[in-house]
C-alpha atoms as a PDB file:
ATOM      1  CA  MET A   1     110.624  98.144 121.773  1.00  0.00           C
ATOM      2  CA  SER A   2     108.117  98.537 118.945  1.00  0.00           C
ATOM      3  CA  LEU A   3     108.937  99.555 115.390  1.00  0.00           C
ATOM      4  CA  ASP A   4     106.746 101.814 113.297  1.00  0.00           C
ATOM      5  CA  GLY A   5     105.294  99.580 110.564  1.00  0.00           C
ATOM      6  CA  LYS A   6     105.177 102.374 107.998  1.00  0.00           C
ATOM      7  CA  ILE A   7     108.823 103.274 108.548  1.00  0.00           C
ATOM      8  CA  LEU A   8     109.866  99.604 108.683  1.00  0.00           C
ATOM      9  CA  ALA A   9     108.191  99.015 105.311  1.00  0.00           C
ATOM     10  CA  LYS A  10     110.223 101.855 103.803  1.00  0.00           C
ATOM     11  CA  ALA A  11     113.402 100.439 105.338  1.00  0.00           C
ATOM     12  CA  LYS A  12     112.640  97.018 103.803  1.00  0.00           C
ATOM     13  CA  LEU A  13     112.172  98.632 100.385  1.00  0.00           C
ATOM     14  CA  ARG A  14     115.558 100.295 100.742  1.00  0.00           C
ATOM     15  CA  LEU A  15     117.107  96.952 101.717  1.00  0.00           C
ATOM     16  CA  GLU A  16     115.618  95.360  98.595  1.00  0.00           C
ATOM     17  CA  GLU A  17     116.940  98.209  96.444  1.00  0.00           C
ATOM     18  CA  ARG A  18     120.409  97.822  97.928  1.00  0.00           C
ATOM     19  CA  LYS A  19     120.288  94.061  97.344  1.00  0.00           C
ATOM     20  CA  ARG A  20     119.288  94.575  93.691  1.00  0.00           C
ATOM     21  CA  ASP A  21     122.120  97.065  93.195  1.00  0.00           C
ATOM     22  CA  PHE A  22     124.551  94.668  94.866  1.00  0.00           C
ATOM     23  CA  ASP A  23     123.448  91.765  92.637  1.00  0.00           C
ATOM     24  CA  ILE A  24     123.900  93.905  89.523  1.00  0.00           C
ATOM     25  CA  GLN A  25     127.385  94.935  90.638  1.00  0.00           C
ATOM     26  CA  ARG A  26     128.287  91.323  91.421  1.00  0.00           C
ATOM     27  CA  ASP A  27     127.085  90.160  87.988  1.00  0.00           C
ATOM     28  CA  ASN A  28     129.161  92.908  86.388  1.00  0.00           C
ATOM     29  CA  ARG A  29     132.221  91.788  88.348  1.00  0.00           C
ATOM     30  CA  LEU A  30     131.658  88.187  87.280  1.00  0.00           C
ATOM     31  CA  ARG A  31     131.416  89.173  83.607  1.00  0.00           C
ATOM     32  CA  GLU A  32     134.548  91.294  83.948  1.00  0.00           C
ATOM     33  CA  VAL A  33     136.502  88.381  85.469  1.00  0.00           C
ATOM     34  CA  TYR A  34     135.189  85.762  83.033  1.00  0.00           C
ATOM     35  CA  VAL A  35     136.038  87.934  80.009  1.00  0.00           C
ATOM     36  CA  LYS A  36     139.539  88.592  81.246  1.00  0.00           C
ATOM     37  CA  CYS A  37     140.150  85.052  82.494  1.00  0.00           C
ATOM     38  CA  PRO A  38     137.860  82.348  80.985  1.00  0.00           C
ATOM     39  CA  ARG A  39     139.669  79.686  83.025  1.00  0.00           C
ATOM     40  CA  ILE A  40     137.999  81.062  86.186  1.00  0.00           C
ATOM     41  CA  MET A  41     134.556  80.500  84.653  1.00  0.00           C
ATOM     42  CA  MET A  42     135.536  76.875  83.956  1.00  0.00           C
ATOM     43  CA  LEU A  43     136.815  76.449  87.519  1.00  0.00           C
ATOM     44  CA  ASP A  44     133.563  77.863  88.952  1.00  0.00           C
ATOM     45  CA  ARG A  45     131.605  75.294  86.940  1.00  0.00           C
ATOM     46  CA  GLU A  46     133.837  72.458  88.156  1.00  0.00           C
ATOM     47  CA  ILE A  47     133.568  73.620  91.772  1.00  0.00           C
ATOM     48  CA  LYS A  48     129.787  73.740  91.489  1.00  0.00           C
ATOM     49  CA  GLY A  49     129.845  70.262  89.959  1.00  0.00           C
ATOM     50  CA  THR A  50     131.832  68.772  92.857  1.00  0.00           C
ATOM     51  CA  ILE A  51     129.414  70.267  95.351  1.00  0.00           C
ATOM     52  CA  ILE A  52     126.454  68.689  93.523  1.00  0.00           C
ATOM     53  CA  GLU A  53     128.309  65.329  93.489  1.00  0.00           C
ATOM     54  CA  VAL A  54     128.946  65.496  97.228  1.00  0.00           C
ATOM     55  CA  ILE A  55     125.262  66.192  97.896  1.00  0.00           C
ATOM     56  CA  GLY A  56     124.245  63.298  95.629  1.00  0.00           C
ATOM     57  CA  MET A  57     126.584  60.852  97.331  1.00  0.00           C
ATOM     58  CA  ALA A  58     125.423  61.939 100.774  1.00  0.00           C
ATOM     59  CA  LEU A  59     121.854  61.128  99.774  1.00  0.00           C
ATOM     60  CA  LYS A  60     122.681  57.666  98.421  1.00  0.00           C
ATOM     61  CA  SER A  61     121.731  54.715 100.573  1.00  0.00           C
ATOM     62  CA  GLY A  62     123.155  51.199 100.762  1.00  0.00           C
ATOM     63  CA  GLN A  63     126.818  52.169 100.621  1.00  0.00           C
ATOM     64  CA  ASP A  64     129.285  54.231 102.587  1.00  0.00           C
ATOM     65  CA  PRO A  65     130.050  57.355 100.518  1.00  0.00           C
ATOM     66  CA  SER A  66     132.559  58.831 102.980  1.00  0.00           C
ATOM     67  CA  GLU A  67     135.639  57.841 100.943  1.00  0.00           C
ATOM     68  CA  ALA A  68     134.272  59.282  97.716  1.00  0.00           C
ATOM     69  CA  ILE A  69     133.094  62.420  99.505  1.00  0.00           C
ATOM     70  CA  ALA A  70     136.579  62.914 100.985  1.00  0.00           C
ATOM     71  CA  ALA A  71     138.123  62.564  97.506  1.00  0.00           C
ATOM     72  CA  LEU A  72     135.709  65.108  96.087  1.00  0.00           C
ATOM     73  CA  GLY A  73     136.512  67.405  98.998  1.00  0.00           C
ATOM     74  CA  ASP A  74     140.200  67.230  98.136  1.00  0.00           C
ATOM     75  CA  LYS A  75     139.388  67.948  94.493  1.00  0.00           C
ATOM     76  CA  ASN A  76     137.244  70.928  95.484  1.00  0.00           C
ATOM     77  CA  GLN A  77     140.037  72.324  97.642  1.00  0.00           C
ATOM     78  CA  TYR A  78     142.512  71.951  94.757  1.00  0.00           C
ATOM     79  CA  LEU A  79     140.132  73.788  92.409  1.00  0.00           C
ATOM     80  CA  GLN A  80     139.581  76.573  94.959  1.00  0.00           C
ATOM     81  CA  THR A  81     143.353  77.051  95.323  1.00  0.00           C
ATOM     82  CA  GLU A  82     143.797  77.221  91.552  1.00  0.00           C
ATOM     83  CA  ARG A  83     140.901  79.712  91.328  1.00  0.00           C
ATOM     84  CA  VAL A  84     142.541  82.062  93.832  1.00  0.00           C
ATOM     85  CA  GLN A  85     145.846  81.879  91.947  1.00  0.00           C
ATOM     86  CA  GLU A  86     144.080  82.643  88.637  1.00  0.00           C
ATOM     87  CA  LEU A  87     142.309  85.655  90.168  1.00  0.00           C
ATOM     88  CA  ILE A  88     145.536  87.068  91.553  1.00  0.00           C
ATOM     89  CA  SER A  89     147.360  86.470  88.273  1.00  0.00           C
ATOM     90  CA  ALA A  90     144.580  88.340  86.439  1.00  0.00           C
ATOM     91  CA  GLY A  91     144.993  91.314  88.777  1.00  0.00           C
ATOM     92  CA  PHE A  92     141.951  90.745  90.998  1.00  0.00           C
ATOM     93  CA  SER A  93     141.723  90.319  94.763  1.00  0.00           C
ATOM     94  CA  PRO A  94     141.044  86.696  95.893  1.00  0.00           C
ATOM     95  CA  ASP A  95     137.504  87.584  97.087  1.00  0.00           C
ATOM     96  CA  TYR A  96     136.612  89.929  94.210  1.00  0.00           C
ATOM     97  CA  ILE A  97     133.632  87.800  93.099  1.00  0.00           C
ATOM     98  CA  ASP A  98     132.943  85.810  96.256  1.00  0.00           C
ATOM     99  CA  ASP A  99     130.601  88.083  98.233  1.00  0.00           C
ATOM    100  CA  GLU A 100     127.086  86.710  97.798  1.00  0.00           C
ATOM    101  CA  TYR A 101     125.363  88.936 100.353  1.00  0.00           C
ATOM    102  CA  LEU A 102     125.546  92.512 101.576  1.00  0.00           C
ATOM    103  CA  CYS A 103     124.988  91.181 105.109  1.00  0.00           C
ATOM    104  CA  SER A 104     126.344  87.733 105.881  1.00  0.00           C
ATOM    105  CA  HIS A 105     124.448  87.627 109.201  1.00  0.00           C
ATOM    106  CA  CYS A 106     120.930  87.610 107.735  1.00  0.00           C
ATOM    107  CA  ARG A 107     121.793  86.891 104.079  1.00  0.00           C
ATOM    108  CA  ASP A 108     119.988  90.107 103.121  1.00  0.00           C
ATOM    109  CA  THR A 109     116.629  89.010 104.520  1.00  0.00           C
ATOM    110  CA  GLY A 110     116.723  91.693 107.222  1.00  0.00           C
ATOM    111  CA  TYR A 111     115.956  89.151 109.945  1.00  0.00           C
ATOM    112  CA  ILE A 112     117.828  86.639 112.050  1.00  0.00           C
ATOM    113  CA  GLY A 113     115.058  84.295 113.105  1.00  0.00           C
ATOM    114  CA  THR A 114     112.318  86.638 114.263  1.00  0.00           C
ATOM    115  CA  GLU A 115     114.713  89.430 115.274  1.00  0.00           C
ATOM    116  CA  VAL A 116     115.423  92.444 113.080  1.00  0.00           C
ATOM    117  CA  CYS A 117     119.027  92.282 111.824  1.00  0.00           C
ATOM    118  CA  SER A 118     121.378  95.195 112.468  1.00  0.00           C
ATOM    119  CA  CYS A 119     121.508  95.956 108.723  1.00  0.00           C
ATOM    120  CA  LEU A 120     117.731  96.521 108.546  1.00  0.00           C
ATOM    121  CA  LYS A 121     117.749  98.310 111.911  1.00  0.00           C
ATOM    122  CA  LYS A 122     120.298 100.780 110.551  1.00  0.00           C
ATOM    123  CA  LEU A 123     118.097 101.523 107.524  1.00  0.00           C
ATOM    124  CA  TYR A 124     115.083 101.808 109.846  1.00  0.00           C
ATOM    125  CA  ASN A 125     116.856 104.414 111.977  1.00  0.00           C
ATOM    126  CA  GLU A 126     117.789 106.383 108.852  1.00  0.00           C
ATOM    127  CA  GLN A 127     114.156 106.341 107.711  1.00  0.00           C
ATOM    128  CA  LEU A 128     113.019 107.307 111.192  1.00  0.00           C
ATOM    129  CA  LYS A 129     115.260 110.380 111.167  1.00  0.00           C
ATOM    130  CA  ALA A 130     113.981 111.270 107.710  1.00  0.00           C
ATOM    131  CA  SER A 131     110.387 110.992 108.938  1.00  0.00           C
ATOM    132  CA  LEU A 132     111.219 113.445 111.722  1.00  0.00           C
ATOM    133  CA  SER A 133     112.678 115.977 109.293  1.00  0.00           C
ATOM    134  CA  SER A 134     109.751 118.339 109.870  1.00  0.00           C
ATOM    135  CA  LEU A 135     110.735 118.420 113.529  1.00  0.00           C
ATOM    136  CA  PHE A 136     114.455 118.747 112.837  1.00  0.00           C
ATOM    137  CA  LYS A 137     113.973 122.009 110.966  1.00  0.00           C
ATOM    138  CA  LEU A 138     117.459 123.419 111.391  1.00  0.00           C
ATOM    139  CA  GLY A 139     119.434 120.238 111.810  1.00  0.00           C
ATOM    140  CA  GLY A 140     120.977 121.471 115.040  1.00  0.00           C
ATOM    141  CA  GLU A 141     118.303 120.573 117.560  1.00  0.00           C
ATOM    142  CA  THR A 142     120.571 119.083 120.239  1.00  0.00           C
ATOM    143  CA  PHE A 143     120.810 119.713 123.945  1.00  0.00           C
ATOM    144  CA  ASP A 144     124.311 121.140 123.454  1.00  0.00           C
ATOM    145  CA  ASN A 145     122.851 123.781 121.138  1.00  0.00           C
ATOM    146  CA  PHE A 146     120.089 124.878 123.502  1.00  0.00           C
ATOM    147  CA  ASP A 147     120.971 128.506 124.300  1.00  0.00           C
ATOM    148  CA  LEU A 148     119.878 129.604 127.778  1.00  0.00           C
ATOM    149  CA  SER A 149     121.144 133.154 127.208  1.00  0.00           C
ATOM    150  CA  TRP A 150     117.855 134.039 125.461  1.00  0.00           C
ATOM    151  CA  TYR A 151     116.031 133.706 128.791  1.00  0.00           C
ATOM    152  CA  ASP A 152     115.884 136.622 131.236  1.00  0.00           C
ATOM    153  CA  ASP A 153     117.833 136.253 134.465  1.00  0.00           C
ATOM    154  CA  THR A 154     115.486 138.543 136.412  1.00  0.00           C
ATOM    155  CA  PRO A 155     113.581 136.693 139.176  1.00  0.00           C
ATOM    156  CA  ILE A 156     109.868 136.157 138.552  1.00  0.00           C
ATOM    157  CA  PRO A 157     107.998 136.695 141.869  1.00  0.00           C
ATOM    158  CA  GLU A 158     105.267 134.049 141.390  1.00  0.00           C
ATOM    159  CA  LEU A 159     107.836 131.550 140.143  1.00  0.00           C
ATOM    160  CA  GLY A 160     110.467 132.185 142.803  1.00  0.00           C
ATOM    161  CA  MET A 161     113.245 132.081 140.223  1.00  0.00           C
ATOM    162  CA  SER A 162     114.218 133.600 136.887  1.00  0.00           C
ATOM    163  CA  ALA A 163     113.057 132.365 133.489  1.00  0.00           C
ATOM    164  CA  ARG A 164     116.641 131.276 132.834  1.00  0.00           C
ATOM    165  CA  SER A 165     116.894 129.243 136.038  1.00  0.00           C
ATOM    166  CA  ASN A 166     113.529 127.659 135.253  1.00  0.00           C
ATOM    167  CA  MET A 167     114.732 126.716 131.781  1.00  0.00           C
ATOM    168  CA  GLU A 168     117.934 125.223 133.187  1.00  0.00           C
ATOM    169  CA  THR A 169     115.740 122.929 135.284  1.00  0.00           C
ATOM    170  CA  ILE A 170     113.478 122.076 132.332  1.00  0.00           C
ATOM    171  CA  CYS A 171     116.401 121.465 129.989  1.00  0.00           C
ATOM    172  CA  GLU A 172     118.019 119.125 132.512  1.00  0.00           C
ATOM    173  CA  ALA A 173     114.719 117.271 132.993  1.00  0.00           C
ATOM    174  CA  CYS A 174     114.337 116.824 129.214  1.00  0.00           C
ATOM    175  CA  TYR A 175     117.962 115.668 128.896  1.00  0.00           C
ATOM    176  CA  ARG A 176     117.468 113.007 131.579  1.00  0.00           C
ATOM    177  CA  TYR A 177     114.165 111.979 130.027  1.00  0.00           C
ATOM    178  CA  ALA A 178     115.739 111.448 126.600  1.00  0.00           C
ATOM    179  CA  ASN A 179     118.772 109.551 127.822  1.00  0.00           C
ATOM    180  CA  LYS A 180     116.846 107.300 130.210  1.00  0.00           C
ATOM    181  CA  PHE A 181     113.822 106.789 127.977  1.00  0.00           C
ATOM    182  CA  GLY A 182     112.123 103.441 128.451  1.00  0.00           C
ATOM    183  CA  SER A 183     109.087 101.650 129.776  1.00  0.00           C
ATOM    184  CA  GLN A 184     109.373 103.412 133.138  1.00  0.00           C
ATOM    185  CA  SER A 185     109.432 106.907 131.650  1.00  0.00           C
ATOM    186  CA  THR A 186     106.582 109.309 132.332  1.00  0.00           C
ATOM    187  CA  ASN A 187     104.703 111.495 129.859  1.00  0.00           C
ATOM    188  CA  LEU A 188     105.599 115.154 129.414  1.00  0.00           C
ATOM    189  CA  PHE A 189     103.377 118.191 128.951  1.00  0.00           C
ATOM    190  CA  LEU A 190     105.334 121.233 127.746  1.00  0.00           C
ATOM    191  CA  ASN A 191     103.263 124.303 128.496  1.00  0.00           C
ATOM    192  CA  GLY A 192     103.906 127.981 127.815  1.00  0.00           C
ATOM    193  CA  SER A 193     103.637 130.905 125.416  1.00  0.00           C
ATOM    194  CA  PRO A 194     104.860 130.655 121.808  1.00  0.00           C
ATOM    195  CA  GLY A 195     108.574 130.929 121.022  1.00  0.00           C
ATOM    196  CA  LEU A 196     109.967 129.602 124.299  1.00  0.00           C
ATOM    197  CA  GLY A 197     111.675 126.442 123.004  1.00  0.00           C
ATOM    198  CA  LYS A 198     109.002 123.765 123.459  1.00  0.00           C
ATOM    199  CA  THR A 199     109.340 122.397 119.924  1.00  0.00           C
ATOM    200  CA  PHE A 200     113.142 122.689 120.035  1.00  0.00           C
ATOM    201  CA  LEU A 201     113.376 120.607 123.219  1.00  0.00           C
ATOM    202  CA  SER A 202     110.852 118.114 121.800  1.00  0.00           C
ATOM    203  CA  ALA A 203     113.173 117.712 118.818  1.00  0.00           C
ATOM    204  CA  CYS A 204     116.173 117.228 121.109  1.00  0.00           C
ATOM    205  CA  ILE A 205     114.345 114.443 122.939  1.00  0.00           C
ATOM    206  CA  ALA A 206     113.135 112.868 119.685  1.00  0.00           C
ATOM    207  CA  ARG A 207     116.657 112.806 118.245  1.00  0.00           C
ATOM    208  CA  VAL A 208     118.148 111.006 121.254  1.00  0.00           C
ATOM    209  CA  VAL A 209     115.240 108.572 121.662  1.00  0.00           C
ATOM    210  CA  ALA A 210     115.233 107.725 117.935  1.00  0.00           C
ATOM    211  CA  GLU A 211     118.987 107.102 117.971  1.00  0.00           C
ATOM    212  CA  LYS A 212     118.395 104.565 120.747  1.00  0.00           C
ATOM    213  CA  GLY A 213     116.208 102.612 118.328  1.00  0.00           C
ATOM    214  CA  PHE A 214     112.775 103.509 119.702  1.00  0.00           C
ATOM    215  CA  SER A 215     109.980 104.397 117.303  1.00  0.00           C
ATOM    216  CA  VAL A 216     109.174 108.107 117.426  1.00  0.00           C
ATOM    217  CA  VAL A 217     106.285 109.862 115.696  1.00  0.00           C
ATOM    218  CA  TYR A 218     105.939 113.648 115.611  1.00  0.00           C
ATOM    219  CA  ASP A 219     103.016 115.629 114.235  1.00  0.00           C
ATOM    220  CA  MET A 220     100.970 118.754 114.752  1.00  0.00           C
ATOM    221  CA  ALA A 221      97.764 118.248 116.728  1.00  0.00           C
ATOM    222  CA  CYS A 222      95.649 119.498 113.809  1.00  0.00           C
ATOM    223  CA  SER A 223      97.246 116.945 111.437  1.00  0.00           C
ATOM    224  CA  ILE A 224      96.715 114.074 113.863  1.00  0.00           C
ATOM    225  CA  PHE A 225      93.024 114.812 114.324  1.00  0.00           C
ATOM    226  CA  SER A 226      92.559 115.336 110.581  1.00  0.00           C
ATOM    227  CA  ALA A 227      93.927 111.817 110.035  1.00  0.00           C
ATOM    228  CA  PHE A 228      91.470 110.401 112.585  1.00  0.00           C
ATOM    229  CA  GLU A 229      88.645 112.280 110.875  1.00  0.00           C
ATOM    230  CA  ASP A 230      89.687 111.028 107.420  1.00  0.00           C
ATOM    231  CA  GLU A 231      89.704 107.456 108.709  1.00  0.00           C
ATOM    232  CA  LYS A 232      86.354 107.840 110.482  1.00  0.00           C
ATOM    233  CA  PHE A 233      84.571 109.327 107.492  1.00  0.00           C
ATOM    234  CA  SER A 234      86.515 107.463 104.765  1.00  0.00           C
ATOM    235  CA  LYS A 235      87.939 110.619 103.208  1.00  0.00           C
ATOM    236  CA  SER A 236      91.348 109.205 102.291  1.00  0.00           C
ATOM    237  CA  ASP A 237      92.386 108.172  98.766  1.00  0.00           C
ATOM    238  CA  ASP A 238      94.981 105.842 100.310  1.00  0.00           C
ATOM    239  CA  PRO A 239      93.361 103.910 103.193  1.00  0.00           C
ATOM    240  CA  VAL A 240      96.359 101.597 103.648  1.00  0.00           C
ATOM    241  CA  PHE A 241      98.703 104.550 104.177  1.00  0.00           C
ATOM    242  CA  LEU A 242      96.182 106.189 106.499  1.00  0.00           C
ATOM    243  CA  ARG A 243      95.860 103.069 108.660  1.00  0.00           C
ATOM    244  CA  SER A 244      99.641 102.851 108.991  1.00  0.00           C
ATOM    245  CA  GLU A 245      99.710 106.539 109.939  1.00  0.00           C
ATOM    246  CA  LEU A 246      97.080 106.052 112.647  1.00  0.00           C
ATOM    247  CA  LYS A 247      98.926 102.948 113.842  1.00  0.00           C
ATOM    248  CA  GLY A 248     102.023 105.116 114.306  1.00  0.00           C
ATOM    249  CA  TYR A 249     100.074 107.600 116.429  1.00  0.00           C
ATOM    250  CA  LEU A 250      98.627 104.838 118.580  1.00  0.00           C
ATOM    251  CA  GLU A 251     101.534 102.390 118.834  1.00  0.00           C
ATOM    252  CA  SER A 252     104.829 104.298 118.540  1.00  0.00           C
ATOM    253  CA  ASP A 253     107.119 104.134 121.567  1.00  0.00           C
ATOM    254  CA  LEU A 254     107.044 107.929 121.741  1.00  0.00           C
ATOM    255  CA  LEU A 255     104.410 110.221 120.212  1.00  0.00           C
ATOM    256  CA  ILE A 256     105.053 113.967 120.149  1.00  0.00           C
ATOM    257  CA  ILE A 257     101.904 116.082 119.711  1.00  0.00           C
ATOM    258  CA  ASP A 258     102.828 119.678 118.904  1.00  0.00           C
ATOM    259  CA  ASP A 259     100.587 122.706 119.450  1.00  0.00           C
ATOM    260  CA  LEU A 260      97.645 121.056 121.167  1.00  0.00           C
ATOM    261  CA  GLY A 261      94.768 123.530 121.193  1.00  0.00           C
ATOM    262  CA  THR A 262      95.331 124.918 117.694  1.00  0.00           C
ATOM    263  CA  GLU A 263      93.090 122.261 116.100  1.00  0.00           C
ATOM    264  CA  MET A 264      89.495 123.068 115.182  1.00  0.00           C
ATOM    265  CA  MET A 265      87.446 122.128 118.221  1.00  0.00           C
ATOM    266  CA  THR A 266      84.587 119.716 117.541  1.00  0.00           C
ATOM    267  CA  LYS A 267      83.014 116.844 119.443  1.00  0.00           C
ATOM    268  CA  PHE A 268      84.937 114.533 117.137  1.00  0.00           C
ATOM    269  CA  THR A 269      88.393 116.036 117.842  1.00  0.00           C
ATOM    270  CA  VAL A 270      87.742 115.893 121.593  1.00  0.00           C
ATOM    271  CA  SER A 271      86.678 112.259 121.240  1.00  0.00           C
ATOM    272  CA  ALA A 272      89.755 111.462 119.087  1.00  0.00           C
ATOM    273  CA  LEU A 273      92.090 113.063 121.644  1.00  0.00           C
ATOM    274  CA  TYR A 274      90.528 111.037 124.449  1.00  0.00           C
ATOM    275  CA  GLU A 275      90.848 107.825 122.422  1.00  0.00           C
ATOM    276  CA  LEU A 276      94.473 108.601 121.560  1.00  0.00           C
ATOM    277  CA  LEU A 277      95.494 109.444 125.132  1.00  0.00           C
ATOM    278  CA  ASN A 278      93.590 106.567 126.688  1.00  0.00           C
ATOM    279  CA  THR A 279      94.870 103.971 124.226  1.00  0.00           C
ATOM    280  CA  ARG A 280      98.478 105.017 124.735  1.00  0.00           C
ATOM    281  CA  LEU A 281      98.198 105.256 128.519  1.00  0.00           C
ATOM    282  CA  ILE A 282      96.635 101.792 128.811  1.00  0.00           C
ATOM    283  CA  ALA A 283      99.395 100.334 126.595  1.00  0.00           C
ATOM    284  CA  GLY A 284     102.122 102.123 128.573  1.00  0.00           C
ATOM    285  CA  ARG A 285     103.339 104.073 125.527  1.00  0.00           C
ATOM    286  CA  LYS A 286     104.837 107.486 126.147  1.00  0.00           C
ATOM    287  CA  THR A 287     103.581 110.830 124.877  1.00  0.00           C
ATOM    288  CA  ILE A 288     104.948 114.367 124.845  1.00  0.00           C
ATOM    289  CA  ILE A 289     102.446 117.171 124.303  1.00  0.00           C
ATOM    290  CA  SER A 290     103.200 120.849 123.815  1.00  0.00           C
ATOM    291  CA  SER A 291     100.624 123.621 124.019  1.00  0.00           C
ATOM    292  CA  ASN A 292     100.580 127.405 124.049  1.00  0.00           C
ATOM    293  CA  LEU A 293      97.338 127.408 126.062  1.00  0.00           C
ATOM    294  CA  SER A 294      97.330 127.881 129.824  1.00  0.00           C
ATOM    295  CA  MET A 295      95.941 125.090 131.978  1.00  0.00           C
ATOM    296  CA  ASP A 296      92.813 127.200 132.620  1.00  0.00           C
ATOM    297  CA  GLU A 297      92.300 127.614 128.860  1.00  0.00           C
ATOM    298  CA  LEU A 298      92.762 123.879 128.372  1.00  0.00           C
ATOM    299  CA  ARG A 299      90.179 123.131 131.062  1.00  0.00           C
ATOM    300  CA  ARG A 300      87.653 125.317 129.252  1.00  0.00           C
ATOM    301  CA  GLN A 301      88.414 123.608 125.932  1.00  0.00           C
ATOM    302  CA  TYR A 302      88.587 119.912 126.865  1.00  0.00           C
ATOM    303  CA  THR A 303      86.492 117.500 128.911  1.00  0.00           C
ATOM    304  CA  PRO A 304      87.231 116.658 132.561  1.00  0.00           C
ATOM    305  CA  GLN A 305      88.200 113.129 131.438  1.00  0.00           C
ATOM    306  CA  ILE A 306      90.923 114.530 129.165  1.00  0.00           C
ATOM    307  CA  MET A 307      92.165 117.044 131.733  1.00  0.00           C
ATOM    308  CA  SER A 308      92.284 114.300 134.359  1.00  0.00           C
ATOM    309  CA  ARG A 309      94.731 112.425 132.156  1.00  0.00           C
ATOM    310  CA  LEU A 310      96.776 115.491 131.215  1.00  0.00           C
ATOM    311  CA  GLU A 311      97.122 116.643 134.827  1.00  0.00           C
ATOM    312  CA  GLY A 312      97.348 113.217 136.436  1.00  0.00           C
ATOM    313  CA  GLU A 313      99.436 111.205 133.965  1.00  0.00           C
ATOM    314  CA  PHE A 314     101.784 113.866 132.580  1.00  0.00           C
ATOM    315  CA  GLN A 315     104.687 115.712 134.146  1.00  0.00           C
ATOM    316  CA  VAL A 316     103.930 119.383 133.428  1.00  0.00           C
ATOM    317  CA  LEU A 317     106.918 121.559 132.493  1.00  0.00           C
ATOM    318  CA  LYS A 318     105.899 125.225 132.515  1.00  0.00           C
ATOM    319  CA  PHE A 319     107.925 127.539 130.223  1.00  0.00           C
ATOM    320  CA  TYR A 320     108.432 131.239 131.045  1.00  0.00           C
ATOM    321  CA  GLY A 321     110.145 134.053 129.180  1.00  0.00           C
ATOM    322  CA  ASN A 322     109.924 136.241 126.096  1.00  0.00           C
ATOM    323  CA  ASP A 323     109.328 134.971 122.554  1.00  0.00           C
ATOM    324  CA  ILE A 324     112.819 134.008 121.348  1.00  0.00           C
ATOM    325  CA  ARG A 325     111.814 134.299 117.702  1.00  0.00           C
ATOM    326  CA  MET A 326     110.860 137.930 118.281  1.00  0.00           C
ATOM    327  CA  LEU A 327     114.040 138.578 120.267  1.00  0.00           C
ATOM    328  CA  LYS A 328     116.152 137.221 117.405  1.00  0.00           C
ATOM    329  CA  LYS A 329     114.382 139.624 115.031  1.00  0.00           C
ATOM    330  CA  GLY A 330     115.127 142.483 117.386  1.00  0.00           C
ATOM    331  CA  LEU A 331     111.449 143.104 118.138  1.00  0.00           C
END
């Protein structure tokens, strides 16, 4: 499971900010306690002193320090007991100034060995959801909120079923895809006229997949190809940010390309699309593409190499019906 480097960097910054805030709060608590009860400050110094003595004795050679270390241990325990009593007497909880870390598992580093700690993973998931905010436009893009009543129940002769029955099948396929997402998942191509729910269902999938901890990147096709063009012709004022953006397109666990076919068609955009698809397919990374163009229109617009990948490596889900946005406006 790969993590988006750009989003991970933002999560690390948030972890550092939280650690700084925590340290400030802890220092304030210490000052509060020491002002109210100076004896606790003296006890903390003595406790620190016994620890230093124990370390020194353990490092000495030529004599057995075990007896002295045991005596210092007893002294330390006595001081700790007195410290707790002083805190309680002053009206504080016994552990009021003891927490040194926000996360005791990783000691606020964000990592346990080479693995991302749960504390950093939580911040990463929050940043991931924030990065998908342009996809989660209404905040209610969930499978439970997908309303099939907007689709006509009249049978479509060439389809052999109604638009509503077709959407029930598509919705179920997208639900299974999201909940079973992994290395064995296929790629999806959502195809149909505008206003039929392609972006909504993409958002539903993205929400579930992101909550499982996978890296998800969503963008409009025109924005993706503009980023490739900026990188190719050095148009960006922030090359580091641009490289991390391109890395997200190429290496995220799931890339969602919205509105393929709306980008300005040039030899470069066709080449960039081929590179993007080929790189992700070779690496086994999953892609969802939505387009308002028919398959015949796509064949006229893109090369046979691209169409071979779209038709051979993607599960095509064809949307039918009337534009829901227009229906909601009463048009």
